[in-house]
Every structure is written in C-alpha cells, then in structure tokens.
Amino acid sequence: MQQIKRAPRVRWCACLLVVVFFNCLLSTSPLIAQTKTFVSSRNVSFRISTEQASYKVGESITLKYSAKNISNRTLFVPREWEATCPASPHLWTSFEDSSGARLGGGYGGDCSPIAQTIRERMNKEAVLLKPGEHLDGTFLLDTRLLKPGAYKVVATLTGWTKEKFSDTERSELAKMAGPFMMGQVSASIRVTLTPNTK
C-alpha cells in the first residue's frame, strides 16, 4: 500500500506564499516611503549670488537665490513668504560684519485674513520640484543703515514645521503630489560696501 505524502506540498505552498508576501512588501515599500508628508532639508541645495562683489552704502543689492531638489523624488519647497495672515517669511537674509554681529532681517506689515483651505494656501506658498529642478528668485537687500566695510550676506530658506498644522491639515497635505521640505538650508556670500561719495 502506498502512502501519499502531502506535507512537502504544503510546505512548498507555504514557502511560495511567504516569498510572494515579501515581494509584494518590498515592491510597495517605495510607495510607503513616498507617503511621508514632510522631508528633511537635506533634500534641497540652496545657493545665492549677486551681480558684483562691491556696492556703495545706500545702494540696493539684488540677491539671486536658487533652491534645487537634489533628492530622487518630487518635493515641495517654499516661496519667499507664507500665504497666511500675518505672513511670515520663508526666506531670511542678514548682513554679518567682521565681528560676527548680524544686522538686518526684520519685516513688518498688515493684512486682512481670508478664508482658505490648506490646499489653496499651499498652491500659493509652495512649488513642486521634480528631481534636479530648481526654484530661482531675487530678493532686494537694503544697505542704507550699514557702514562701509566687508560683510557676509547670509540667506536662510526655512521650510514648514509639521507641528504648526492641525491633524486635518496634515492629512490633506499627505494627499498632495509630494512631501514638503522642513528645516532650513543656508548659504552665504561676501560683499564689500564702499562709502557713498554723494
């Protein structure tokens, strides 16, 4: 009489199911990783430049900036200002003198709040960058209150803080086309201010 051994077939089916499960898990892990709502500023490079290295005191300096997505996925980077009332800047600039003292960097203004969804706000405030793409812009620096001398111009691009959003807003942000930069990226250049002879 022959015995039918079914145990190996059951083990083989169980092994096959385990392999299929892990393959599915591994193939969906990039999708799971993309559902992060906020990502580190290490995914963004930030550079600044000016047209020249020397300006007269009182002359405005046009600062050019570029924020580049250096990650391997799309992500949102901020524009210069929040689209809120009152608005806070995402881009801060200051002058640092030879003693290390920081000068400038204040802002002010008034506004009238308007009702908007978090999606409407981010459509005004954020720019979606694919890998390798960059957001370029200019920022005007005022030198009227500075003395002649050598300065380091410091610019900082500040992302979003997840704690500033409600659970409902974070849930809406997670449905958008990519994660949002959090943290800061900074860059600096040197300029010299010469006396204004007028």
N, C-alpha and C. Protein backbone atom coordinates (compact mmCIF):
# COMPACT_ATOMS: atom_id res chain seq x y z
N MET A 1 0.84 -1.18 0.00
CA MET A 1 0.00 0.00 0.00
C MET A 1 0.89 1.23 0.00
N GLN A 2 0.54 2.20 -0.86
CA GLN A 2 1.33 3.40 -0.95
C GLN A 2 0.78 4.48 -0.04
N GLN A 3 1.71 5.21 0.55
CA GLN A 3 1.30 6.35 1.36
C GLN A 3 1.46 7.61 0.53
N ILE A 4 0.52 8.49 0.66
CA ILE A 4 0.59 9.78 -0.02
C ILE A 4 1.16 10.79 0.97
N LYS A 5 2.27 11.37 0.57
CA LYS A 5 2.91 12.36 1.43
C LYS A 5 2.52 13.76 0.94
N ARG A 6 1.70 14.41 1.72
CA ARG A 6 1.25 15.75 1.33
C ARG A 6 2.01 16.87 2.06
N ALA A 7 2.69 16.54 3.08
CA ALA A 7 3.40 17.57 3.87
C ALA A 7 4.36 18.40 3.02
N PRO A 8 5.19 17.80 2.15
CA PRO A 8 6.10 18.62 1.35
C PRO A 8 5.36 19.62 0.46
N ARG A 9 4.21 19.20 -0.11
CA ARG A 9 3.44 20.11 -0.95
C ARG A 9 2.93 21.29 -0.13
N VAL A 10 2.48 21.03 1.09
CA VAL A 10 2.00 22.09 1.97
C VAL A 10 3.16 23.03 2.31
N ARG A 11 4.32 22.46 2.60
CA ARG A 11 5.49 23.30 2.91
C ARG A 11 5.87 24.14 1.69
N TRP A 12 5.81 23.52 0.50
CA TRP A 12 6.16 24.25 -0.70
C TRP A 12 5.19 25.40 -0.94
N CYS A 13 3.90 25.17 -0.73
CA CYS A 13 2.89 26.23 -0.90
C CYS A 13 3.09 27.33 0.13
N ALA A 14 3.41 26.93 1.36
CA ALA A 14 3.63 27.92 2.41
C ALA A 14 4.85 28.78 2.08
N CYS A 15 5.90 28.12 1.59
CA CYS A 15 7.11 28.87 1.21
C CYS A 15 6.81 29.84 0.07
N LEU A 16 6.03 29.37 -0.91
CA LEU A 16 5.67 30.22 -2.03
C LEU A 16 4.87 31.45 -1.55
N LEU A 17 3.95 31.22 -0.65
CA LEU A 17 3.16 32.33 -0.11
C LEU A 17 4.05 33.34 0.63
N VAL A 18 5.00 32.86 1.39
CA VAL A 18 5.92 33.75 2.12
C VAL A 18 6.75 34.58 1.13
N VAL A 19 7.25 33.92 0.07
CA VAL A 19 8.05 34.64 -0.93
C VAL A 19 7.20 35.70 -1.63
N VAL A 20 5.96 35.35 -2.02
CA VAL A 20 5.07 36.30 -2.67
C VAL A 20 4.77 37.47 -1.74
N PHE A 21 4.52 37.21 -0.46
CA PHE A 21 4.23 38.25 0.51
C PHE A 21 5.39 39.24 0.62
N PHE A 22 6.62 38.73 0.75
CA PHE A 22 7.78 39.61 0.90
C PHE A 22 8.07 40.39 -0.39
N ASN A 23 7.82 39.77 -1.54
CA ASN A 23 7.99 40.50 -2.80
C ASN A 23 7.00 41.65 -2.90
N CYS A 24 5.76 41.41 -2.51
CA CYS A 24 4.75 42.48 -2.51
C CYS A 24 5.14 43.59 -1.54
N LEU A 25 5.61 43.19 -0.38
CA LEU A 25 6.01 44.16 0.63
C LEU A 25 7.17 45.01 0.13
N LEU A 26 8.17 44.37 -0.47
CA LEU A 26 9.32 45.12 -0.97
C LEU A 26 8.96 46.02 -2.14
N SER A 27 8.07 45.57 -3.00
CA SER A 27 7.71 46.38 -4.17
C SER A 27 6.85 47.58 -3.78
N THR A 28 6.15 47.51 -2.65
CA THR A 28 5.33 48.65 -2.23
C THR A 28 6.06 49.54 -1.25
N SER A 29 7.25 49.16 -0.78
CA SER A 29 7.95 50.00 0.20
C SER A 29 8.30 51.38 -0.35
N PRO A 30 8.67 51.55 -1.65
CA PRO A 30 8.88 52.90 -2.15
C PRO A 30 7.61 53.75 -2.08
N LEU A 31 6.45 53.10 -2.33
CA LEU A 31 5.20 53.84 -2.24
C LEU A 31 4.92 54.27 -0.81
N ILE A 32 5.23 53.39 0.14
CA ILE A 32 5.04 53.73 1.54
C ILE A 32 5.96 54.89 1.91
N ALA A 33 7.20 54.86 1.44
CA ALA A 33 8.16 55.92 1.74
C ALA A 33 7.70 57.26 1.17
N GLN A 34 7.00 57.25 0.02
CA GLN A 34 6.56 58.48 -0.61
C GLN A 34 5.39 59.11 0.13
N THR A 35 4.76 58.40 1.04
CA THR A 35 3.63 58.97 1.74
C THR A 35 4.06 59.85 2.91
N LYS A 36 5.35 60.03 3.14
CA LYS A 36 5.81 60.96 4.16
C LYS A 36 5.33 62.35 3.78
N THR A 37 4.79 63.07 4.74
CA THR A 37 4.27 64.40 4.46
C THR A 37 5.39 65.45 4.47
N PHE A 38 6.40 65.25 5.31
CA PHE A 38 7.50 66.20 5.43
C PHE A 38 8.83 65.47 5.28
N VAL A 39 9.78 66.12 4.61
CA VAL A 39 11.11 65.53 4.43
C VAL A 39 12.16 66.56 4.84
N SER A 40 13.33 66.07 5.14
CA SER A 40 14.43 66.90 5.60
C SER A 40 14.91 67.88 4.53
N SER A 41 15.43 69.00 4.98
CA SER A 41 16.01 69.99 4.07
C SER A 41 17.29 69.49 3.41
N ARG A 42 17.81 68.33 3.84
CA ARG A 42 18.98 67.75 3.18
C ARG A 42 18.68 67.36 1.73
N ASN A 43 17.40 67.34 1.38
CA ASN A 43 16.99 67.02 0.01
C ASN A 43 17.05 68.23 -0.92
N VAL A 44 17.45 69.39 -0.37
CA VAL A 44 17.45 70.64 -1.14
C VAL A 44 18.81 71.31 -1.01
N SER A 45 19.38 71.75 -2.15
CA SER A 45 20.58 72.59 -2.11
C SER A 45 20.14 74.03 -2.31
N PHE A 46 20.88 74.96 -1.72
CA PHE A 46 20.50 76.36 -1.74
C PHE A 46 21.73 77.20 -2.03
N ARG A 47 21.61 78.10 -3.03
CA ARG A 47 22.74 78.96 -3.41
C ARG A 47 22.25 80.39 -3.57
N ILE A 48 23.17 81.33 -3.30
CA ILE A 48 22.86 82.74 -3.52
C ILE A 48 24.02 83.38 -4.30
N SER A 49 23.72 84.49 -4.97
CA SER A 49 24.75 85.23 -5.71
C SER A 49 24.30 86.67 -5.88
N THR A 50 25.26 87.53 -6.24
CA THR A 50 24.97 88.92 -6.57
C THR A 50 25.65 89.23 -7.91
N GLU A 51 25.27 90.35 -8.51
CA GLU A 51 25.86 90.75 -9.79
C GLU A 51 27.32 91.16 -9.63
N GLN A 52 27.67 91.73 -8.49
CA GLN A 52 29.03 92.22 -8.27
C GLN A 52 29.42 92.00 -6.82
N ALA A 53 30.68 92.23 -6.52
CA ALA A 53 31.20 91.99 -5.17
C ALA A 53 31.25 93.24 -4.33
N SER A 54 31.07 94.41 -4.95
CA SER A 54 31.19 95.68 -4.23
C SER A 54 30.03 96.60 -4.58
N TYR A 55 29.48 97.27 -3.56
CA TYR A 55 28.36 98.20 -3.72
C TYR A 55 28.63 99.43 -2.86
N LYS A 56 27.97 100.53 -3.19
CA LYS A 56 28.06 101.73 -2.37
C LYS A 56 27.02 101.65 -1.26
N VAL A 57 27.35 102.20 -0.09
CA VAL A 57 26.39 102.26 1.01
C VAL A 57 25.15 103.01 0.52
N GLY A 58 23.99 102.48 0.79
CA GLY A 58 22.73 103.07 0.35
C GLY A 58 22.21 102.48 -0.94
N GLU A 59 23.06 101.78 -1.67
CA GLU A 59 22.67 101.13 -2.92
C GLU A 59 21.96 99.81 -2.60
N SER A 60 20.88 99.52 -3.30
CA SER A 60 20.19 98.24 -3.11
C SER A 60 20.97 97.12 -3.79
N ILE A 61 20.98 95.97 -3.14
CA ILE A 61 21.66 94.79 -3.69
C ILE A 61 20.59 93.78 -4.09
N THR A 62 20.62 93.35 -5.34
CA THR A 62 19.72 92.29 -5.78
C THR A 62 20.39 90.95 -5.53
N LEU A 63 19.82 90.21 -4.61
CA LEU A 63 20.35 88.89 -4.26
C LEU A 63 19.59 87.84 -5.07
N LYS A 64 20.31 87.05 -5.83
CA LYS A 64 19.69 85.94 -6.57
C LYS A 64 19.79 84.69 -5.72
N TYR A 65 18.72 83.89 -5.71
CA TYR A 65 18.76 82.63 -4.97
C TYR A 65 18.23 81.50 -5.83
N SER A 66 18.68 80.30 -5.50
CA SER A 66 18.24 79.10 -6.21
C SER A 66 18.13 77.95 -5.23
N ALA A 67 16.95 77.34 -5.16
CA ALA A 67 16.70 76.16 -4.34
C ALA A 67 16.49 74.98 -5.28
N LYS A 68 17.35 73.96 -5.17
CA LYS A 68 17.31 72.82 -6.11
C LYS A 68 16.96 71.53 -5.38
N ASN A 69 16.09 70.76 -6.00
CA ASN A 69 15.73 69.43 -5.47
C ASN A 69 16.85 68.45 -5.84
N ILE A 70 17.61 68.00 -4.83
CA ILE A 70 18.72 67.06 -5.08
C ILE A 70 18.35 65.65 -4.64
N SER A 71 17.06 65.42 -4.37
CA SER A 71 16.62 64.07 -3.99
C SER A 71 16.21 63.30 -5.25
N ASN A 72 15.71 62.09 -5.05
CA ASN A 72 15.29 61.27 -6.19
C ASN A 72 13.77 61.20 -6.30
N ARG A 73 13.07 62.17 -5.70
CA ARG A 73 11.61 62.21 -5.77
C ARG A 73 11.13 63.66 -5.81
N THR A 74 9.90 63.87 -6.24
CA THR A 74 9.35 65.22 -6.25
C THR A 74 9.14 65.68 -4.82
N LEU A 75 9.28 66.99 -4.60
CA LEU A 75 9.01 67.56 -3.28
C LEU A 75 8.65 69.02 -3.41
N PHE A 76 7.98 69.54 -2.39
CA PHE A 76 7.60 70.95 -2.36
C PHE A 76 8.64 71.76 -1.61
N VAL A 77 9.01 72.91 -2.19
CA VAL A 77 9.87 73.87 -1.50
C VAL A 77 9.07 75.17 -1.35
N PRO A 78 9.41 75.98 -0.34
CA PRO A 78 8.61 77.20 -0.13
C PRO A 78 9.02 78.36 -1.02
N ARG A 79 8.04 79.22 -1.30
CA ARG A 79 8.32 80.52 -1.91
C ARG A 79 8.82 81.43 -0.78
N GLU A 80 9.05 82.73 -1.09
CA GLU A 80 9.63 83.64 -0.11
C GLU A 80 8.77 83.83 1.14
N TRP A 81 7.45 83.89 0.99
CA TRP A 81 6.57 84.21 2.11
C TRP A 81 5.50 83.15 2.31
N GLU A 82 5.03 83.01 3.55
CA GLU A 82 3.86 82.18 3.84
C GLU A 82 2.64 82.86 3.26
N ALA A 83 1.66 82.09 2.85
CA ALA A 83 0.41 82.64 2.32
C ALA A 83 -0.63 82.68 3.45
N THR A 84 -0.23 83.27 4.58
CA THR A 84 -1.09 83.37 5.75
C THR A 84 -1.19 84.84 6.16
N CYS A 85 -2.03 85.12 7.11
CA CYS A 85 -2.15 86.47 7.64
C CYS A 85 -2.12 86.39 9.16
N PRO A 86 -1.12 86.98 9.81
CA PRO A 86 0.01 87.68 9.21
C PRO A 86 0.99 86.69 8.57
N ALA A 87 1.65 87.17 7.54
CA ALA A 87 2.60 86.31 6.80
C ALA A 87 3.96 86.33 7.47
N SER A 88 4.62 85.20 7.47
CA SER A 88 6.00 85.10 7.95
C SER A 88 6.88 84.72 6.77
N PRO A 89 8.12 85.18 6.77
CA PRO A 89 8.99 84.85 5.63
C PRO A 89 9.54 83.43 5.70
N HIS A 90 9.64 82.80 4.56
CA HIS A 90 10.38 81.54 4.43
C HIS A 90 11.85 81.84 4.11
N LEU A 91 12.10 83.03 3.53
CA LEU A 91 13.45 83.42 3.16
C LEU A 91 13.90 84.59 4.04
N TRP A 92 14.94 84.33 4.84
CA TRP A 92 15.51 85.36 5.72
C TRP A 92 16.89 85.74 5.20
N THR A 93 17.19 87.03 5.28
CA THR A 93 18.53 87.48 4.92
C THR A 93 19.06 88.42 5.99
N SER A 94 20.38 88.45 6.13
CA SER A 94 21.01 89.39 7.05
C SER A 94 22.44 89.64 6.61
N PHE A 95 23.00 90.72 7.13
CA PHE A 95 24.41 91.05 6.91
C PHE A 95 25.15 90.71 8.19
N GLU A 96 26.34 90.15 8.06
CA GLU A 96 27.18 89.84 9.21
C GLU A 96 28.48 90.62 9.04
N ASP A 97 28.81 91.46 10.05
CA ASP A 97 30.03 92.26 9.94
C ASP A 97 31.25 91.46 10.41
N SER A 98 32.42 92.09 10.40
CA SER A 98 33.67 91.39 10.72
C SER A 98 33.72 90.88 12.16
N SER A 99 32.90 91.47 13.05
CA SER A 99 32.87 91.00 14.45
C SER A 99 31.90 89.83 14.64
N GLY A 100 31.14 89.50 13.58
CA GLY A 100 30.17 88.41 13.67
C GLY A 100 28.78 88.86 14.03
N ALA A 101 28.59 90.18 14.22
CA ALA A 101 27.26 90.70 14.57
C ALA A 101 26.36 90.66 13.34
N ARG A 102 25.12 90.22 13.55
CA ARG A 102 24.15 90.16 12.45
C ARG A 102 23.31 91.42 12.43
N LEU A 103 23.15 91.97 11.25
CA LEU A 103 22.40 93.22 11.07
C LEU A 103 21.31 93.01 10.04
N GLY A 104 20.14 93.58 10.29
CA GLY A 104 19.03 93.46 9.34
C GLY A 104 18.20 92.23 9.61
N GLY A 105 17.29 91.97 8.71
CA GLY A 105 16.48 90.76 8.82
C GLY A 105 15.09 90.98 9.39
N GLY A 106 14.68 92.25 9.63
CA GLY A 106 13.35 92.48 10.17
C GLY A 106 12.31 92.55 9.06
N TYR A 107 11.04 92.45 9.44
CA TYR A 107 9.96 92.58 8.48
C TYR A 107 8.72 93.06 9.21
N GLY A 108 7.78 93.58 8.49
CA GLY A 108 6.53 94.04 9.10
C GLY A 108 5.46 94.21 8.04
N GLY A 109 4.28 94.59 8.48
CA GLY A 109 3.18 94.80 7.56
C GLY A 109 1.86 94.44 8.20
N ASP A 110 0.78 94.71 7.50
CA ASP A 110 -0.53 94.32 7.99
C ASP A 110 -1.29 93.65 6.86
N CYS A 111 -2.37 92.99 7.22
CA CYS A 111 -3.13 92.26 6.21
C CYS A 111 -4.54 92.02 6.72
N SER A 112 -5.38 91.55 5.85
CA SER A 112 -6.74 91.15 6.20
C SER A 112 -6.86 89.66 5.94
N PRO A 113 -7.15 88.89 7.00
CA PRO A 113 -7.23 87.43 6.81
C PRO A 113 -8.32 87.05 5.80
N ILE A 114 -8.02 86.03 5.00
CA ILE A 114 -9.02 85.49 4.09
C ILE A 114 -9.16 83.99 4.37
N ALA A 115 -10.36 83.50 4.21
CA ALA A 115 -10.60 82.07 4.43
C ALA A 115 -10.02 81.29 3.26
N GLN A 116 -9.24 80.26 3.55
CA GLN A 116 -8.68 79.41 2.50
C GLN A 116 -8.43 78.02 3.07
N THR A 117 -8.52 77.04 2.20
CA THR A 117 -8.19 75.68 2.62
C THR A 117 -6.68 75.53 2.64
N ILE A 118 -6.19 74.47 3.26
CA ILE A 118 -4.75 74.24 3.30
C ILE A 118 -4.22 73.99 1.89
N ARG A 119 -5.01 73.38 1.04
CA ARG A 119 -4.60 73.14 -0.35
C ARG A 119 -4.48 74.46 -1.11
N GLU A 120 -5.44 75.38 -0.90
CA GLU A 120 -5.37 76.69 -1.55
C GLU A 120 -4.14 77.47 -1.06
N ARG A 121 -3.87 77.38 0.25
CA ARG A 121 -2.70 78.07 0.80
C ARG A 121 -1.41 77.54 0.16
N MET A 122 -1.27 76.22 0.09
CA MET A 122 -0.04 75.64 -0.44
C MET A 122 0.13 75.87 -1.94
N ASN A 123 -0.99 76.02 -2.67
CA ASN A 123 -0.88 76.35 -4.09
C ASN A 123 -0.23 77.72 -4.29
N LYS A 124 -0.38 78.62 -3.31
CA LYS A 124 0.24 79.95 -3.38
C LYS A 124 1.64 79.95 -2.78
N GLU A 125 1.88 79.12 -1.79
CA GLU A 125 3.08 79.18 -0.96
C GLU A 125 4.18 78.21 -1.37
N ALA A 126 3.83 77.12 -2.03
CA ALA A 126 4.78 76.05 -2.31
C ALA A 126 4.96 75.83 -3.81
N VAL A 127 6.15 75.35 -4.16
CA VAL A 127 6.45 75.00 -5.55
C VAL A 127 6.89 73.54 -5.59
N LEU A 128 6.26 72.75 -6.45
CA LEU A 128 6.60 71.34 -6.60
C LEU A 128 7.78 71.20 -7.56
N LEU A 129 8.86 70.61 -7.07
CA LEU A 129 10.06 70.41 -7.90
C LEU A 129 10.30 68.93 -8.12
N LYS A 130 10.50 68.55 -9.38
CA LYS A 130 10.93 67.20 -9.70
C LYS A 130 12.43 67.10 -9.40
N PRO A 131 12.98 65.89 -9.32
CA PRO A 131 14.43 65.76 -9.09
C PRO A 131 15.23 66.56 -10.12
N GLY A 132 16.16 67.37 -9.62
CA GLY A 132 17.01 68.17 -10.49
C GLY A 132 16.45 69.55 -10.83
N GLU A 133 15.16 69.77 -10.62
CA GLU A 133 14.57 71.08 -10.91
C GLU A 133 14.90 72.06 -9.79
N HIS A 134 14.83 73.37 -10.12
CA HIS A 134 15.13 74.37 -9.11
C HIS A 134 14.17 75.54 -9.18
N LEU A 135 14.01 76.21 -8.06
CA LEU A 135 13.22 77.43 -7.94
C LEU A 135 14.20 78.58 -7.83
N ASP A 136 14.13 79.54 -8.77
CA ASP A 136 15.01 80.69 -8.78
C ASP A 136 14.22 81.95 -8.48
N GLY A 137 14.86 82.88 -7.79
CA GLY A 137 14.20 84.14 -7.49
C GLY A 137 15.20 85.21 -7.10
N THR A 138 14.70 86.41 -6.84
CA THR A 138 15.55 87.51 -6.40
C THR A 138 14.96 88.13 -5.14
N PHE A 139 15.83 88.75 -4.39
CA PHE A 139 15.45 89.37 -3.12
C PHE A 139 16.23 90.66 -3.01
N LEU A 140 15.58 91.76 -2.67
CA LEU A 140 16.24 93.06 -2.62
C LEU A 140 16.76 93.34 -1.21
N LEU A 141 18.06 93.65 -1.11
CA LEU A 141 18.69 93.96 0.18
C LEU A 141 18.93 95.46 0.29
N ASP A 142 18.58 96.01 1.44
CA ASP A 142 18.74 97.44 1.71
C ASP A 142 20.03 97.67 2.49
N THR A 143 20.88 98.59 2.02
CA THR A 143 22.16 98.85 2.70
C THR A 143 22.20 100.24 3.34
N ARG A 144 21.09 100.96 3.37
CA ARG A 144 21.09 102.35 3.84
C ARG A 144 21.56 102.50 5.29
N LEU A 145 21.31 101.51 6.14
CA LEU A 145 21.67 101.62 7.56
C LEU A 145 23.03 101.02 7.89
N LEU A 146 23.76 100.59 6.89
CA LEU A 146 25.05 99.94 7.12
C LEU A 146 26.20 100.92 6.90
N LYS A 147 27.32 100.61 7.53
CA LYS A 147 28.54 101.41 7.37
C LYS A 147 29.42 100.76 6.31
N PRO A 148 30.36 101.52 5.75
CA PRO A 148 31.29 100.91 4.80
C PRO A 148 32.08 99.79 5.46
N GLY A 149 32.40 98.75 4.68
CA GLY A 149 33.18 97.63 5.20
C GLY A 149 32.84 96.34 4.48
N ALA A 150 33.47 95.27 4.95
CA ALA A 150 33.25 93.94 4.38
C ALA A 150 32.15 93.23 5.18
N TYR A 151 31.24 92.59 4.47
CA TYR A 151 30.11 91.89 5.10
C TYR A 151 29.94 90.51 4.49
N LYS A 152 29.40 89.63 5.31
CA LYS A 152 28.94 88.34 4.80
C LYS A 152 27.41 88.43 4.72
N VAL A 153 26.86 88.18 3.55
CA VAL A 153 25.41 88.13 3.39
C VAL A 153 24.98 86.70 3.63
N VAL A 154 24.08 86.51 4.59
CA VAL A 154 23.59 85.17 4.94
C VAL A 154 22.11 85.08 4.56
N ALA A 155 21.75 84.06 3.81
CA ALA A 155 20.35 83.82 3.44
C ALA A 155 19.96 82.42 3.91
N THR A 156 18.77 82.33 4.50
CA THR A 156 18.27 81.05 5.00
C THR A 156 16.87 80.81 4.47
N LEU A 157 16.68 79.66 3.84
CA LEU A 157 15.36 79.24 3.37
C LEU A 157 14.82 78.26 4.40
N THR A 158 13.68 78.62 4.99
CA THR A 158 13.08 77.82 6.06
C THR A 158 11.84 77.11 5.54
N GLY A 159 11.80 75.80 5.74
CA GLY A 159 10.65 75.01 5.31
C GLY A 159 9.51 75.09 6.32
N TRP A 160 8.63 74.12 6.26
CA TRP A 160 7.45 74.10 7.11
C TRP A 160 7.72 73.31 8.38
N THR A 161 6.95 73.61 9.41
CA THR A 161 7.02 72.90 10.68
C THR A 161 5.74 72.11 10.85
N LYS A 162 5.86 70.78 10.92
CA LYS A 162 4.64 69.95 10.93
C LYS A 162 3.76 70.23 12.13
N GLU A 163 4.35 70.67 13.24
CA GLU A 163 3.55 70.93 14.45
C GLU A 163 2.64 72.15 14.29
N LYS A 164 2.90 72.99 13.28
CA LYS A 164 2.06 74.17 13.07
C LYS A 164 0.77 73.84 12.31
N PHE A 165 0.64 72.60 11.87
CA PHE A 165 -0.55 72.18 11.14
C PHE A 165 -1.42 71.29 12.02
N SER A 166 -2.73 71.41 11.85
CA SER A 166 -3.65 70.53 12.58
C SER A 166 -3.60 69.12 11.98
N ASP A 167 -4.18 68.15 12.68
CA ASP A 167 -4.23 66.78 12.16
C ASP A 167 -4.96 66.74 10.81
N THR A 168 -6.04 67.51 10.70
CA THR A 168 -6.80 67.55 9.45
C THR A 168 -5.97 68.14 8.32
N GLU A 169 -5.23 69.21 8.62
CA GLU A 169 -4.38 69.83 7.59
C GLU A 169 -3.26 68.88 7.17
N ARG A 170 -2.64 68.19 8.14
CA ARG A 170 -1.58 67.23 7.80
C ARG A 170 -2.13 66.11 6.93
N SER A 171 -3.35 65.70 7.20
CA SER A 171 -3.98 64.65 6.39
C SER A 171 -4.19 65.14 4.96
N GLU A 172 -4.58 66.39 4.79
CA GLU A 172 -4.75 66.96 3.44
C GLU A 172 -3.41 67.11 2.74
N LEU A 173 -2.38 67.55 3.47
CA LEU A 173 -1.05 67.71 2.88
C LEU A 173 -0.50 66.37 2.38
N ALA A 174 -0.81 65.30 3.11
CA ALA A 174 -0.33 63.97 2.73
C ALA A 174 -0.91 63.51 1.40
N LYS A 175 -2.03 64.09 0.98
CA LYS A 175 -2.68 63.71 -0.28
C LYS A 175 -2.13 64.49 -1.47
N MET A 176 -1.28 65.47 -1.21
CA MET A 176 -0.75 66.30 -2.31
C MET A 176 0.36 65.55 -3.05
N ALA A 177 0.87 66.14 -4.11
CA ALA A 177 1.74 65.44 -5.07
C ALA A 177 3.14 65.11 -4.58
N GLY A 178 3.52 65.55 -3.40
CA GLY A 178 4.85 65.24 -2.87
C GLY A 178 4.98 65.73 -1.44
N PRO A 179 6.07 65.36 -0.77
CA PRO A 179 6.27 65.81 0.60
C PRO A 179 6.78 67.26 0.63
N PHE A 180 6.73 67.87 1.80
CA PHE A 180 7.11 69.27 1.99
C PHE A 180 8.43 69.36 2.75
N MET A 181 9.28 70.28 2.30
CA MET A 181 10.57 70.48 2.97
C MET A 181 10.36 71.04 4.37
N MET A 182 11.06 70.46 5.34
CA MET A 182 11.08 71.05 6.67
C MET A 182 12.55 71.33 7.03
N GLY A 183 12.77 72.13 8.05
CA GLY A 183 14.13 72.50 8.42
C GLY A 183 14.60 73.70 7.63
N GLN A 184 15.91 73.90 7.61
CA GLN A 184 16.49 75.08 6.97
C GLN A 184 17.68 74.72 6.10
N VAL A 185 17.88 75.52 5.05
CA VAL A 185 19.11 75.47 4.26
C VAL A 185 19.63 76.90 4.17
N SER A 186 20.94 77.06 4.34
CA SER A 186 21.53 78.40 4.34
C SER A 186 22.66 78.49 3.32
N ALA A 187 22.93 79.71 2.92
CA ALA A 187 24.05 79.99 2.01
C ALA A 187 24.56 81.39 2.35
N SER A 188 25.81 81.65 2.00
CA SER A 188 26.38 82.97 2.27
C SER A 188 27.35 83.37 1.17
N ILE A 189 27.51 84.67 1.01
CA ILE A 189 28.49 85.25 0.10
C ILE A 189 29.08 86.48 0.78
N ARG A 190 30.19 86.96 0.24
CA ARG A 190 30.82 88.16 0.80
C ARG A 190 30.63 89.34 -0.16
N VAL A 191 30.32 90.50 0.42
CA VAL A 191 30.23 91.74 -0.33
C VAL A 191 30.96 92.83 0.43
N THR A 192 31.40 93.84 -0.30
CA THR A 192 32.06 95.00 0.32
C THR A 192 31.22 96.23 0.03
N LEU A 193 30.98 97.02 1.08
CA LEU A 193 30.27 98.28 0.92
C LEU A 193 31.28 99.41 1.01
N THR A 194 31.26 100.28 0.02
CA THR A 194 32.17 101.42 -0.03
C THR A 194 31.40 102.71 0.30
N PRO A 195 32.10 103.74 0.76
CA PRO A 195 31.41 105.00 1.10
C PRO A 195 30.68 105.58 -0.11
N ASN A 196 29.54 106.15 0.17
CA ASN A 196 28.80 106.84 -0.88
C ASN A 196 29.29 108.27 -0.92
N THR A 197 29.89 108.67 -2.00
CA THR A 197 30.55 109.98 -2.07
C THR A 197 29.61 111.12 -2.44
N LYS A 198 28.35 110.88 -2.55
CA LYS A 198 27.39 111.96 -2.90
C LYS A 198 27.28 112.97 -1.78
